[in-house]
PDB file of N, CA and C in Angstrom:
ATOM      1  N   MET A   1     119.920  39.684 -64.481  1.00  0.00           N
ATOM      2  CA  MET A   1     119.503  40.799 -63.655  1.00  0.00           C
ATOM      3  C   MET A   1     120.712  41.336 -62.899  1.00  0.00           C
ATOM      4  N   ASP A   2     120.785  42.612 -62.844  1.00  0.00           N
ATOM      5  CA  ASP A   2     121.790  43.272 -62.022  1.00  0.00           C
ATOM      6  C   ASP A   2     121.125  43.553 -60.666  1.00  0.00           C
ATOM      7  N   ILE A   3     121.455  42.741 -59.675  1.00  0.00           N
ATOM      8  CA  ILE A   3     120.805  42.848 -58.365  1.00  0.00           C
ATOM      9  C   ILE A   3     121.028  44.222 -57.745  1.00  0.00           C
ATOM     10  N   ASN A   4     122.245  44.736 -57.848  1.00  0.00           N
ATOM     11  CA  ASN A   4     122.527  46.056 -57.274  1.00  0.00           C
ATOM     12  C   ASN A   4     121.672  47.140 -57.919  1.00  0.00           C
ATOM     13  N   LYS A   5     121.505  47.061 -59.232  1.00  0.00           N
ATOM     14  CA  LYS A   5     120.673  48.036 -59.943  1.00  0.00           C
ATOM     15  C   LYS A   5     119.214  47.906 -59.517  1.00  0.00           C
ATOM     16  N   ALA A   6     118.734  46.677 -59.387  1.00  0.00           N
ATOM     17  CA  ALA A   6     117.342  46.459 -58.975  1.00  0.00           C
ATOM     18  C   ALA A   6     117.085  47.036 -57.586  1.00  0.00           C
ATOM     19  N   ILE A   7     118.010  46.817 -56.668  1.00  0.00           N
ATOM     20  CA  ILE A   7     117.854  47.353 -55.316  1.00  0.00           C
ATOM     21  C   ILE A   7     117.912  48.878 -55.340  1.00  0.00           C
ATOM     22  N   LYS A   8     118.823  49.423 -56.115  1.00  0.00           N
ATOM     23  CA  LYS A   8     118.930  50.881 -56.230  1.00  0.00           C
ATOM     24  C   LYS A   8     117.622  51.472 -56.745  1.00  0.00           C
ATOM     25  N   GLU A   9     117.007  50.808 -57.727  1.00  0.00           N
ATOM     26  CA  GLU A   9     115.735  51.286 -58.261  1.00  0.00           C
ATOM     27  C   GLU A   9     114.624  51.188 -57.212  1.00  0.00           C
ATOM     28  N   LEU A  10     114.597  50.102 -56.435  1.00  0.00           N
ATOM     29  CA  LEU A  10     113.620  49.988 -55.347  1.00  0.00           C
ATOM     30  C   LEU A  10     113.748  51.160 -54.376  1.00  0.00           C
ATOM     31  N   LYS A  11     114.977  51.510 -54.056  1.00  0.00           N
ATOM     32  CA  LYS A  11     115.234  52.567 -53.085  1.00  0.00           C
ATOM     33  C   LYS A  11     114.873  53.952 -53.611  1.00  0.00           C
ATOM     34  N   GLN A  12     114.651  54.083 -54.903  1.00  0.00           N
ATOM     35  CA  GLN A  12     114.257  55.373 -55.477  1.00  0.00           C
ATOM     36  C   GLN A  12     112.808  55.719 -55.152  1.00  0.00           C
ATOM     37  N   ASN A  13     112.014  54.732 -54.795  1.00  0.00           N
ATOM     38  CA  ASN A  13     110.622  54.984 -54.442  1.00  0.00           C
ATOM     39  C   ASN A  13     110.585  55.804 -53.155  1.00  0.00           C
ATOM     40  N   PRO A  14     109.893  56.933 -53.172  1.00  0.00           N
ATOM     41  CA  PRO A  14     109.874  57.793 -51.976  1.00  0.00           C
ATOM     42  C   PRO A  14     109.273  57.124 -50.729  1.00  0.00           C
ATOM     43  N   LYS A  15     108.507  56.061 -50.910  1.00  0.00           N
ATOM     44  CA  LYS A  15     107.902  55.369 -49.772  1.00  0.00           C
ATOM     45  C   LYS A  15     108.799  54.252 -49.230  1.00  0.00           C
ATOM     46  N   PHE A  16     109.953  54.027 -49.858  1.00  0.00           N
ATOM     47  CA  PHE A  16     110.833  52.930 -49.477  1.00  0.00           C
ATOM     48  C   PHE A  16     111.243  52.996 -47.999  1.00  0.00           C
ATOM     49  N   THR A  17     111.774  54.113 -47.556  1.00  0.00           N
ATOM     50  CA  THR A  17     112.320  54.193 -46.197  1.00  0.00           C
ATOM     51  C   THR A  17     111.250  54.054 -45.114  1.00  0.00           C
ATOM     52  N   ASP A  18     110.016  54.359 -45.440  1.00  0.00           N
ATOM     53  CA  ASP A  18     108.928  54.210 -44.473  1.00  0.00           C
ATOM     54  C   ASP A  18     108.378  52.782 -44.410  1.00  0.00           C
ATOM     55  N   ASN A  19     108.747  51.948 -45.393  1.00  0.00           N
ATOM     56  CA  ASN A  19     108.122  50.632 -45.515  1.00  0.00           C
ATOM     57  C   ASN A  19     109.074  49.449 -45.574  1.00  0.00           C
ATOM     58  N   VAL A  20     110.361  49.700 -45.700  1.00  0.00           N
ATOM     59  CA  VAL A  20     111.288  48.588 -45.910  1.00  0.00           C
ATOM     60  C   VAL A  20     112.367  48.554 -44.842  1.00  0.00           C
ATOM     61  N   GLY A  21     112.486  47.377 -44.215  1.00  0.00           N
ATOM     62  CA  GLY A  21     113.556  47.120 -43.255  1.00  0.00           C
ATOM     63  C   GLY A  21     114.360  45.885 -43.651  1.00  0.00           C
ATOM     64  N   MET A  22     113.933  45.223 -44.738  1.00  0.00           N
ATOM     65  CA  MET A  22     114.626  44.015 -45.168  1.00  0.00           C
ATOM     66  C   MET A  22     114.340  43.752 -46.639  1.00  0.00           C
ATOM     67  N   ILE A  23     115.380  43.295 -47.336  1.00  0.00           N
ATOM     68  CA  ILE A  23     115.252  42.822 -48.707  1.00  0.00           C
ATOM     69  C   ILE A  23     115.872  41.437 -48.744  1.00  0.00           C
ATOM     70  N   LEU A  24     115.097  40.459 -49.209  1.00  0.00           N
ATOM     71  CA  LEU A  24     115.621  39.105 -49.393  1.00  0.00           C
ATOM     72  C   LEU A  24     115.664  38.794 -50.881  1.00  0.00           C
ATOM     73  N   ILE A  25     116.711  38.062 -51.276  1.00  0.00           N
ATOM     74  CA  ILE A  25     116.923  37.761 -52.684  1.00  0.00           C
ATOM     75  C   ILE A  25     117.154  36.273 -52.872  1.00  0.00           C
ATOM     76  N   HIS A  26     116.465  35.712 -53.857  1.00  0.00           N
ATOM     77  CA  HIS A  26     116.732  34.348 -54.307  1.00  0.00           C
ATOM     78  C   HIS A  26     117.380  34.464 -55.684  1.00  0.00           C
ATOM     79  N   ASN A  27     118.501  33.788 -55.871  1.00  0.00           N
ATOM     80  CA  ASN A  27     119.175  33.722 -57.167  1.00  0.00           C
ATOM     81  C   ASN A  27     119.336  32.243 -57.512  1.00  0.00           C
ATOM     82  N   GLY A  28     118.392  31.704 -58.288  1.00  0.00           N
ATOM     83  CA  GLY A  28     118.437  30.297 -58.671  1.00  0.00           C
ATOM     84  C   GLY A  28     119.384  30.083 -59.834  1.00  0.00           C
ATOM     85  N   VAL A  29     120.217  29.069 -59.720  1.00  0.00           N
ATOM     86  CA  VAL A  29     121.175  28.728 -60.774  1.00  0.00           C
ATOM     87  C   VAL A  29     121.029  27.247 -61.152  1.00  0.00           C
ATOM     88  N   VAL A  30     121.518  26.917 -62.337  1.00  0.00           N
ATOM     89  CA  VAL A  30     121.484  25.533 -62.796  1.00  0.00           C
ATOM     90  C   VAL A  30     122.501  24.724 -62.001  1.00  0.00           C
ATOM     91  N   ARG A  31     122.021  23.626 -61.391  1.00  0.00           N
ATOM     92  CA  ARG A  31     122.920  22.695 -60.707  1.00  0.00           C
ATOM     93  C   ARG A  31     123.591  21.801 -61.740  1.00  0.00           C
ATOM     94  N   GLY A  32     124.762  21.325 -61.413  1.00  0.00           N
ATOM     95  CA  GLY A  32     125.484  20.406 -62.283  1.00  0.00           C
ATOM     96  C   GLY A  32     125.081  18.951 -62.068  1.00  0.00           C
ATOM     97  N   TRP A  33     124.075  18.733 -61.219  1.00  0.00           N
ATOM     98  CA  TRP A  33     123.638  17.362 -60.929  1.00  0.00           C
ATOM     99  C   TRP A  33     122.136  17.349 -60.705  1.00  0.00           C
ATOM    100  N   SER A  34     121.538  16.181 -60.975  1.00  0.00           N
ATOM    101  CA  SER A  34     120.099  16.004 -60.845  1.00  0.00           C
ATOM    102  C   SER A  34     119.707  15.797 -59.389  1.00  0.00           C
ATOM    103  N   ARG A  35     118.622  16.391 -59.016  1.00  0.00           N
ATOM    104  CA  ARG A  35     118.098  16.234 -57.661  1.00  0.00           C
ATOM    105  C   ARG A  35     117.626  14.792 -57.417  1.00  0.00           C
ATOM    106  N   LYS A  36     117.170  14.116 -58.476  1.00  0.00           N
ATOM    107  CA  LYS A  36     116.646  12.755 -58.351  1.00  0.00           C
ATOM    108  C   LYS A  36     117.710  11.749 -57.927  1.00  0.00           C
ATOM    109  N   ASP A  37     118.829  11.741 -58.655  1.00  0.00           N
ATOM    110  CA  ASP A  37     119.834  10.691 -58.419  1.00  0.00           C
ATOM    111  C   ASP A  37     121.271  11.212 -58.460  1.00  0.00           C
ATOM    112  N   ARG A  38     121.411  12.528 -58.470  1.00  0.00           N
ATOM    113  CA  ARG A  38     122.713  13.205 -58.510  1.00  0.00           C
ATOM    114  C   ARG A  38     123.498  12.908 -59.788  1.00  0.00           C
ATOM    115  N   ALA A  39     122.808  12.458 -60.839  1.00  0.00           N
ATOM    116  CA  ALA A  39     123.461  12.248 -62.135  1.00  0.00           C
ATOM    117  C   ALA A  39     123.915  13.594 -62.686  1.00  0.00           C
ATOM    118  N   GLN A  40     125.000  13.589 -63.422  1.00  0.00           N
ATOM    119  CA  GLN A  40     125.554  14.829 -63.961  1.00  0.00           C
ATOM    120  C   GLN A  40     124.616  15.424 -65.011  1.00  0.00           C
ATOM    121  N   VAL A  41     124.309  16.708 -64.867  1.00  0.00           N
ATOM    122  CA  VAL A  41     123.461  17.446 -65.798  1.00  0.00           C
ATOM    123  C   VAL A  41     124.362  18.318 -66.655  1.00  0.00           C
ATOM    124  N   THR A  42     124.186  18.232 -67.989  1.00  0.00           N
ATOM    125  CA  THR A  42     124.999  19.055 -68.885  1.00  0.00           C
ATOM    126  C   THR A  42     124.269  20.328 -69.306  1.00  0.00           C
ATOM    127  N   ALA A  43     122.926  20.292 -69.236  1.00  0.00           N
ATOM    128  CA  ALA A  43     122.131  21.472 -69.582  1.00  0.00           C
ATOM    129  C   ALA A  43     120.739  21.319 -68.976  1.00  0.00           C
ATOM    130  N   LEU A  44     120.009  22.428 -68.984  1.00  0.00           N
ATOM    131  CA  LEU A  44     118.651  22.442 -68.452  1.00  0.00           C
ATOM    132  C   LEU A  44     117.785  23.293 -69.376  1.00  0.00           C
ATOM    133  N   GLU A  45     116.687  22.709 -69.852  1.00  0.00           N
ATOM    134  CA  GLU A  45     115.722  23.455 -70.650  1.00  0.00           C
ATOM    135  C   GLU A  45     114.647  23.983 -69.700  1.00  0.00           C
ATOM    136  N   VAL A  46     114.397  25.280 -69.753  1.00  0.00           N
ATOM    137  CA  VAL A  46     113.475  25.927 -68.823  1.00  0.00           C
ATOM    138  C   VAL A  46     112.411  26.701 -69.606  1.00  0.00           C
ATOM    139  N   THR A  47     111.151  26.499 -69.192  1.00  0.00           N
ATOM    140  CA  THR A  47     110.040  27.227 -69.803  1.00  0.00           C
ATOM    141  C   THR A  47     109.178  27.835 -68.698  1.00  0.00           C
ATOM    142  N   PRO A  48     109.332  29.135 -68.470  1.00  0.00           N
ATOM    143  CA  PRO A  48     108.495  29.796 -67.474  1.00  0.00           C
ATOM    144  C   PRO A  48     107.130  30.171 -68.065  1.00  0.00           C
ATOM    145  N   ASP A  49     106.115  30.155 -67.222  1.00  0.00           N
ATOM    146  CA  ASP A  49     104.792  30.682 -67.562  1.00  0.00           C
ATOM    147  C   ASP A  49     104.749  32.088 -66.969  1.00  0.00           C
ATOM    148  N   PHE A  50     105.081  33.075 -67.786  1.00  0.00           N
ATOM    149  CA  PHE A  50     105.231  34.439 -67.286  1.00  0.00           C
ATOM    150  C   PHE A  50     103.921  35.016 -66.740  1.00  0.00           C
ATOM    151  N   ALA A  51     102.804  34.648 -67.342  1.00  0.00           N
ATOM    152  CA  ALA A  51     101.516  35.135 -66.842  1.00  0.00           C
ATOM    153  C   ALA A  51     101.236  34.575 -65.446  1.00  0.00           C
ATOM    154  N   LYS A  52     101.522  33.308 -65.230  1.00  0.00           N
ATOM    155  CA  LYS A  52     101.323  32.690 -63.915  1.00  0.00           C
ATOM    156  C   LYS A  52     102.268  33.310 -62.889  1.00  0.00           C
ATOM    157  N   ILE A  53     103.502  33.576 -63.294  1.00  0.00           N
ATOM    158  CA  ILE A  53     104.459  34.216 -62.390  1.00  0.00           C
ATOM    159  C   ILE A  53     103.936  35.575 -61.943  1.00  0.00           C
ATOM    160  N   GLU A  54     103.396  36.341 -62.871  1.00  0.00           N
ATOM    161  CA  GLU A  54     102.852  37.653 -62.512  1.00  0.00           C
ATOM    162  C   GLU A  54     101.628  37.517 -61.604  1.00  0.00           C
ATOM    163  N   THR A  55     100.788  36.521 -61.854  1.00  0.00           N
ATOM    164  CA  THR A  55      99.634  36.273 -60.992  1.00  0.00           C
ATOM    165  C   THR A  55     100.090  35.962 -59.567  1.00  0.00           C
ATOM    166  N   LEU A  56     101.107  35.138 -59.440  1.00  0.00           N
ATOM    167  CA  LEU A  56     101.647  34.818 -58.114  1.00  0.00           C
ATOM    168  C   LEU A  56     102.260  36.051 -57.460  1.00  0.00           C
ATOM    169  N   ARG A  57     102.989  36.837 -58.224  1.00  0.00           N
ATOM    170  CA  ARG A  57     103.582  38.067 -57.686  1.00  0.00           C
ATOM    171  C   ARG A  57     102.489  38.976 -57.133  1.00  0.00           C
ATOM    172  N   GLN A  58     101.420  39.126 -57.900  1.00  0.00           N
ATOM    173  CA  GLN A  58     100.310  39.980 -57.454  1.00  0.00           C
ATOM    174  C   GLN A  58      99.643  39.430 -56.188  1.00  0.00           C
ATOM    175  N   GLU A  59      99.550  38.121 -56.085  1.00  0.00           N
ATOM    176  CA  GLU A  59      98.971  37.499 -54.884  1.00  0.00           C
ATOM    177  C   GLU A  59      99.843  37.769 -53.656  1.00  0.00           C
ATOM    178  N   PHE A  60     101.141  37.564 -53.799  1.00  0.00           N
ATOM    179  CA  PHE A  60     102.041  37.671 -52.646  1.00  0.00           C
ATOM    180  C   PHE A  60     102.355  39.110 -52.269  1.00  0.00           C
ATOM    181  N   ILE A  61     102.244  40.030 -53.204  1.00  0.00           N
ATOM    182  CA  ILE A  61     102.516  41.433 -52.878  1.00  0.00           C
ATOM    183  C   ILE A  61     101.446  41.991 -51.932  1.00  0.00           C
ATOM    184  N   GLN A  62     100.323  41.282 -51.832  1.00  0.00           N
ATOM    185  CA  GLN A  62      99.232  41.694 -50.935  1.00  0.00           C
ATOM    186  C   GLN A  62      99.464  41.253 -49.489  1.00  0.00           C
ATOM    187  N   LYS A  63     100.462  40.418 -49.258  1.00  0.00           N
ATOM    188  CA  LYS A  63     100.708  39.900 -47.908  1.00  0.00           C
ATOM    189  C   LYS A  63     101.164  41.022 -46.969  1.00  0.00           C
ATOM    190  N   GLU A  64     100.900  40.834 -45.691  1.00  0.00           N
ATOM    191  CA  GLU A  64     101.238  41.834 -44.680  1.00  0.00           C
ATOM    192  C   GLU A  64     102.726  42.179 -44.706  1.00  0.00           C
ATOM    193  N   GLY A  65     103.009  43.468 -44.729  1.00  0.00           N
ATOM    194  CA  GLY A  65     104.380  43.950 -44.626  1.00  0.00           C
ATOM    195  C   GLY A  65     105.173  43.970 -45.920  1.00  0.00           C
ATOM    196  N   ILE A  66     104.587  43.516 -47.013  1.00  0.00           N
ATOM    197  CA  ILE A  66     105.336  43.460 -48.275  1.00  0.00           C
ATOM    198  C   ILE A  66     105.218  44.788 -49.010  1.00  0.00           C
ATOM    199  N   PHE A  67     106.358  45.334 -49.370  1.00  0.00           N
ATOM    200  CA  PHE A  67     106.420  46.603 -50.088  1.00  0.00           C
ATOM    201  C   PHE A  67     106.452  46.376 -51.597  1.00  0.00           C
ATOM    202  N   ASP A  68     107.316  45.456 -52.042  1.00  0.00           N
ATOM    203  CA  ASP A  68     107.420  45.182 -53.471  1.00  0.00           C
ATOM    204  C   ASP A  68     108.053  43.812 -53.684  1.00  0.00           C
ATOM    205  N   ILE A  69     107.755  43.237 -54.833  1.00  0.00           N
ATOM    206  CA  ILE A  69     108.340  41.960 -55.247  1.00  0.00           C
ATOM    207  C   ILE A  69     108.746  42.092 -56.700  1.00  0.00           C
ATOM    208  N   ILE A  70     109.962  41.677 -56.980  1.00  0.00           N
ATOM    209  CA  ILE A  70     110.466  41.655 -58.353  1.00  0.00           C
ATOM    210  C   ILE A  70     110.821  40.207 -58.677  1.00  0.00           C
ATOM    211  N   ILE A  71     110.331  39.728 -59.816  1.00  0.00           N
ATOM    212  CA  ILE A  71     110.654  38.373 -60.259  1.00  0.00           C
ATOM    213  C   ILE A  71     111.155  38.452 -61.694  1.00  0.00           C
ATOM    214  N   GLU A  72     112.287  37.820 -61.929  1.00  0.00           N
ATOM    215  CA  GLU A  72     112.820  37.726 -63.284  1.00  0.00           C
ATOM    216  C   GLU A  72     113.187  36.265 -63.541  1.00  0.00           C
ATOM    217  N   ALA A  73     112.474  35.659 -64.495  1.00  0.00           N
ATOM    218  CA  ALA A  73     112.712  34.263 -64.857  1.00  0.00           C
ATOM    219  C   ALA A  73     113.183  34.217 -66.303  1.00  0.00           C
ATOM    220  N   TYR A  74     114.099  33.308 -66.583  1.00  0.00           N
ATOM    221  CA  TYR A  74     114.652  33.179 -67.923  1.00  0.00           C
ATOM    222  C   TYR A  74     114.143  31.916 -68.598  1.00  0.00           C
ATOM    223  N   SER A  75     114.012  32.006 -69.910  1.00  0.00           N
ATOM    224  CA  SER A  75     113.530  30.898 -70.724  1.00  0.00           C
ATOM    225  C   SER A  75     114.636  30.480 -71.684  1.00  0.00           C
ATOM    226  N   GLY A  76     114.762  29.160 -71.895  1.00  0.00           N
ATOM    227  CA  GLY A  76     115.748  28.673 -72.854  1.00  0.00           C
ATOM    228  C   GLY A  76     116.516  27.491 -72.320  1.00  0.00           C
ATOM    229  N   THR A  77     117.674  27.267 -72.915  1.00  0.00           N
ATOM    230  CA  THR A  77     118.549  26.172 -72.507  1.00  0.00           C
ATOM    231  C   THR A  77     119.773  26.777 -71.827  1.00  0.00           C
ATOM    232  N   PHE A  78     120.084  26.252 -70.650  1.00  0.00           N
ATOM    233  CA  PHE A  78     121.132  26.829 -69.814  1.00  0.00           C
ATOM    234  C   PHE A  78     122.129  25.768 -69.376  1.00  0.00           C
ATOM    235  N   GLN A  79     123.318  26.217 -69.036  1.00  0.00           N
ATOM    236  CA  GLN A  79     124.406  25.352 -68.575  1.00  0.00           C
ATOM    237  C   GLN A  79     124.536  25.448 -67.060  1.00  0.00           C
ATOM    238  N   PRO A  80     125.118  24.418 -66.432  1.00  0.00           N
ATOM    239  CA  PRO A  80     125.357  24.510 -64.986  1.00  0.00           C
ATOM    240  C   PRO A  80     126.075  25.819 -64.625  1.00  0.00           C
ATOM    241  N   GLY A  81     125.560  26.462 -63.594  1.00  0.00           N
ATOM    242  CA  GLY A  81     126.114  27.743 -63.148  1.00  0.00           C
ATOM    243  C   GLY A  81     125.366  28.946 -63.677  1.00  0.00           C
ATOM    244  N   ASP A  82     124.568  28.758 -64.739  1.00  0.00           N
ATOM    245  CA  ASP A  82     123.812  29.887 -65.297  1.00  0.00           C
ATOM    246  C   ASP A  82     122.679  30.296 -64.357  1.00  0.00           C
ATOM    247  N   ASP A  83     122.380  31.587 -64.337  1.00  0.00           N
ATOM    248  CA  ASP A  83     121.260  32.111 -63.573  1.00  0.00           C
ATOM    249  C   ASP A  83     119.949  31.776 -64.278  1.00  0.00           C
ATOM    250  N   LEU A  84     118.946  31.383 -63.488  1.00  0.00           N
ATOM    251  CA  LEU A  84     117.632  31.012 -64.033  1.00  0.00           C
ATOM    252  C   LEU A  84     116.501  31.874 -63.518  1.00  0.00           C
ATOM    253  N   LEU A  85     116.575  32.216 -62.227  1.00  0.00           N
ATOM    254  CA  LEU A  85     115.434  32.852 -61.577  1.00  0.00           C
ATOM    255  C   LEU A  85     115.920  33.780 -60.471  1.00  0.00           C
ATOM    256  N   TYR A  86     115.401  34.995 -60.503  1.00  0.00           N
ATOM    257  CA  TYR A  86     115.636  35.947 -59.419  1.00  0.00           C
ATOM    258  C   TYR A  86     114.295  36.309 -58.800  1.00  0.00           C
ATOM    259  N   ILE A  87     114.258  36.330 -57.490  1.00  0.00           N
ATOM    260  CA  ILE A  87     113.104  36.851 -56.764  1.00  0.00           C
ATOM    261  C   ILE A  87     113.638  37.791 -55.697  1.00  0.00           C
ATOM    262  N   ILE A  88     113.127  39.008 -55.707  1.00  0.00           N
ATOM    263  CA  ILE A  88     113.486  40.004 -54.694  1.00  0.00           C
ATOM    264  C   ILE A  88     112.214  40.374 -53.945  1.00  0.00           C
ATOM    265  N   VAL A  89     112.249  40.230 -52.630  1.00  0.00           N
ATOM    266  CA  VAL A  89     111.109  40.605 -51.793  1.00  0.00           C
ATOM    267  C   VAL A  89     111.580  41.679 -50.821  1.00  0.00           C
ATOM    268  N   ALA A  90     110.918  42.826 -50.865  1.00  0.00           N
ATOM    269  CA  ALA A  90     111.234  43.934 -49.964  1.00  0.00           C
ATOM    270  C   ALA A  90     110.029  44.178 -49.065  1.00  0.00           C
ATOM    271  N   GLY A  91     110.309  44.371 -47.773  1.00  0.00           N
ATOM    272  CA  GLY A  91     109.216  44.626 -46.845  1.00  0.00           C
ATOM    273  C   GLY A  91     109.696  45.103 -45.498  1.00  0.00           C
ATOM    274  N   ASP A  92     108.784  45.060 -44.547  1.00  0.00           N
ATOM    275  CA  ASP A  92     109.035  45.699 -43.265  1.00  0.00           C
ATOM    276  C   ASP A  92     109.950  44.906 -42.324  1.00  0.00           C
ATOM    277  N   ILE A  93     109.557  43.701 -41.949  1.00  0.00           N
ATOM    278  CA  ILE A  93     110.336  42.939 -40.972  1.00  0.00           C
ATOM    279  C   ILE A  93     110.501  41.490 -41.430  1.00  0.00           C
ATOM    280  N   ARG A  94     111.509  40.825 -40.892  1.00  0.00           N
ATOM    281  CA  ARG A  94     111.818  39.469 -41.352  1.00  0.00           C
ATOM    282  C   ARG A  94     110.683  38.475 -41.096  1.00  0.00           C
ATOM    283  N   ASP A  95     109.908  38.689 -40.042  1.00  0.00           N
ATOM    284  CA  ASP A  95     108.792  37.782 -39.768  1.00  0.00           C
ATOM    285  C   ASP A  95     107.774  37.774 -40.911  1.00  0.00           C
ATOM    286  N   ASN A  96     107.690  38.870 -41.642  1.00  0.00           N
ATOM    287  CA  ASN A  96     106.788  38.948 -42.795  1.00  0.00           C
ATOM    288  C   ASN A  96     107.481  38.573 -44.098  1.00  0.00           C
ATOM    289  N   ILE A  97     108.751  38.895 -44.218  1.00  0.00           N
ATOM    290  CA  ILE A  97     109.455  38.733 -45.490  1.00  0.00           C
ATOM    291  C   ILE A  97     109.892  37.288 -45.746  1.00  0.00           C
ATOM    292  N   LYS A  98     110.466  36.645 -44.746  1.00  0.00           N
ATOM    293  CA  LYS A  98     111.001  35.284 -44.934  1.00  0.00           C
ATOM    294  C   LYS A  98     109.957  34.288 -45.426  1.00  0.00           C
ATOM    295  N   PRO A  99     108.780  34.213 -44.795  1.00  0.00           N
ATOM    296  CA  PRO A  99     107.808  33.233 -45.294  1.00  0.00           C
ATOM    297  C   PRO A  99     107.277  33.568 -46.691  1.00  0.00           C
ATOM    298  N   VAL A 100     107.192  34.851 -47.016  1.00  0.00           N
ATOM    299  CA  VAL A 100     106.721  35.226 -48.346  1.00  0.00           C
ATOM    300  C   VAL A 100     107.715  34.769 -49.407  1.00  0.00           C
ATOM    301  N   LEU A 101     109.002  35.009 -49.189  1.00  0.00           N
ATOM    302  CA  LEU A 101     109.993  34.549 -50.167  1.00  0.00           C
ATOM    303  C   LEU A 101     109.948  33.033 -50.298  1.00  0.00           C
ATOM    304  N   ALA A 102     109.915  32.322 -49.179  1.00  0.00           N
ATOM    305  CA  ALA A 102     109.910  30.853 -49.214  1.00  0.00           C
ATOM    306  C   ALA A 102     108.675  30.317 -49.930  1.00  0.00           C
ATOM    307  N   ASP A 103     107.505  30.818 -49.572  1.00  0.00           N
ATOM    308  CA  ASP A 103     106.264  30.324 -50.170  1.00  0.00           C
ATOM    309  C   ASP A 103     106.156  30.710 -51.651  1.00  0.00           C
ATOM    310  N   LEU A 104     106.523  31.930 -51.968  1.00  0.00           N
ATOM    311  CA  LEU A 104     106.479  32.382 -53.356  1.00  0.00           C
ATOM    312  C   LEU A 104     107.425  31.562 -54.223  1.00  0.00           C
ATOM    313  N   LEU A 105     108.632  31.337 -53.737  1.00  0.00           N
ATOM    314  CA  LEU A 105     109.604  30.533 -54.482  1.00  0.00           C
ATOM    315  C   LEU A 105     109.049  29.136 -54.755  1.00  0.00           C
ATOM    316  N   ASP A 106     108.505  28.499 -53.733  1.00  0.00           N
ATOM    317  CA  ASP A 106     107.947  27.159 -53.911  1.00  0.00           C
ATOM    318  C   ASP A 106     106.822  27.153 -54.933  1.00  0.00           C
ATOM    319  N   ARG A 107     105.958  28.146 -54.870  1.00  0.00           N
ATOM    320  CA  ARG A 107     104.827  28.197 -55.804  1.00  0.00           C
ATOM    321  C   ARG A 107     105.288  28.484 -57.225  1.00  0.00           C
ATOM    322  N   VAL A 108     106.223  29.403 -57.406  1.00  0.00           N
ATOM    323  CA  VAL A 108     106.742  29.692 -58.747  1.00  0.00           C
ATOM    324  C   VAL A 108     107.361  28.429 -59.339  1.00  0.00           C
ATOM    325  N   LYS A 109     108.186  27.753 -58.543  1.00  0.00           N
ATOM    326  CA  LYS A 109     108.875  26.560 -59.040  1.00  0.00           C
ATOM    327  C   LYS A 109     107.907  25.432 -59.387  1.00  0.00           C
ATOM    328  N   THR A 110     106.841  25.263 -58.611  1.00  0.00           N
ATOM    329  CA  THR A 110     105.925  24.140 -58.861  1.00  0.00           C
ATOM    330  C   THR A 110     104.799  24.486 -59.839  1.00  0.00           C
ATOM    331  N   GLU A 111     104.382  25.746 -59.878  1.00  0.00           N
ATOM    332  CA  GLU A 111     103.216  26.111 -60.680  1.00  0.00           C
ATOM    333  C   GLU A 111     103.541  26.853 -61.971  1.00  0.00           C
ATOM    334  N   ALA A 112     104.728  27.457 -62.066  1.00  0.00           N
ATOM    335  CA  ALA A 112     104.954  28.368 -63.188  1.00  0.00           C
ATOM    336  C   ALA A 112     106.228  28.104 -63.990  1.00  0.00           C
ATOM    337  N   ILE A 113     106.989  27.094 -63.607  1.00  0.00           N
ATOM    338  CA  ILE A 113     108.223  26.818 -64.350  1.00  0.00           C
ATOM    339  C   ILE A 113     108.316  25.325 -64.634  1.00  0.00           C
ATOM    340  N   SER A 114     108.540  24.994 -65.900  1.00  0.00           N
ATOM    341  CA  SER A 114     108.780  23.602 -66.247  1.00  0.00           C
ATOM    342  C   SER A 114     110.243  23.483 -66.687  1.00  0.00           C
ATOM    343  N   LYS A 115     110.856  22.361 -66.304  1.00  0.00           N
ATOM    344  CA  LYS A 115     112.278  22.153 -66.573  1.00  0.00           C
ATOM    345  C   LYS A 115     112.486  20.745 -67.118  1.00  0.00           C
ATOM    346  N   LYS A 116     113.477  20.622 -67.986  1.00  0.00           N
ATOM    347  CA  LYS A 116     113.897  19.300 -68.488  1.00  0.00           C
ATOM    348  C   LYS A 116     115.407  19.233 -68.401  1.00  0.00           C
ATOM    349  N   GLU A 117     115.883  18.283 -67.600  1.00  0.00           N
ATOM    350  CA  GLU A 117     117.324  18.100 -67.452  1.00  0.00           C
ATOM    351  C   GLU A 117     117.874  17.350 -68.660  1.00  0.00           C
ATOM    352  N   ILE A 118     119.058  17.756 -69.095  1.00  0.00           N
ATOM    353  CA  ILE A 118     119.752  17.103 -70.200  1.00  0.00           C
ATOM    354  C   ILE A 118     121.017  16.482 -69.620  1.00  0.00           C
ATOM    355  N   PHE A 119     121.184  15.183 -69.848  1.00  0.00           N
ATOM    356  CA  PHE A 119     122.308  14.429 -69.267  1.00  0.00           C
ATOM    357  C   PHE A 119     123.369  14.145 -70.301  1.00  0.00           C
TER     358      PHE A 119
END
């Protein structure tokens, strides 16, 4: 994903300036080590459930102050440093935006993405 392009496209919406005071972005990348025991990871197999991701996006876009949410998840085998997941949340104020990004990220990671570390 080209983050700058995505933001530029968000700003093209005529309702953007009336509804957005903050954009938060999550850019998930492959770590070079396992969260379990810090063992070196050489690759990561990722399988997103795109339908579940869209269901979650639709749920969270209804939250107070949220203008739009963009989620881009990648499927396949990736190397440390590769991009895996982008989430962009645009909305009115940080009190509304921060918890939505945090909660949405947690739900996407636990409910809609399966991963297998390769050592």
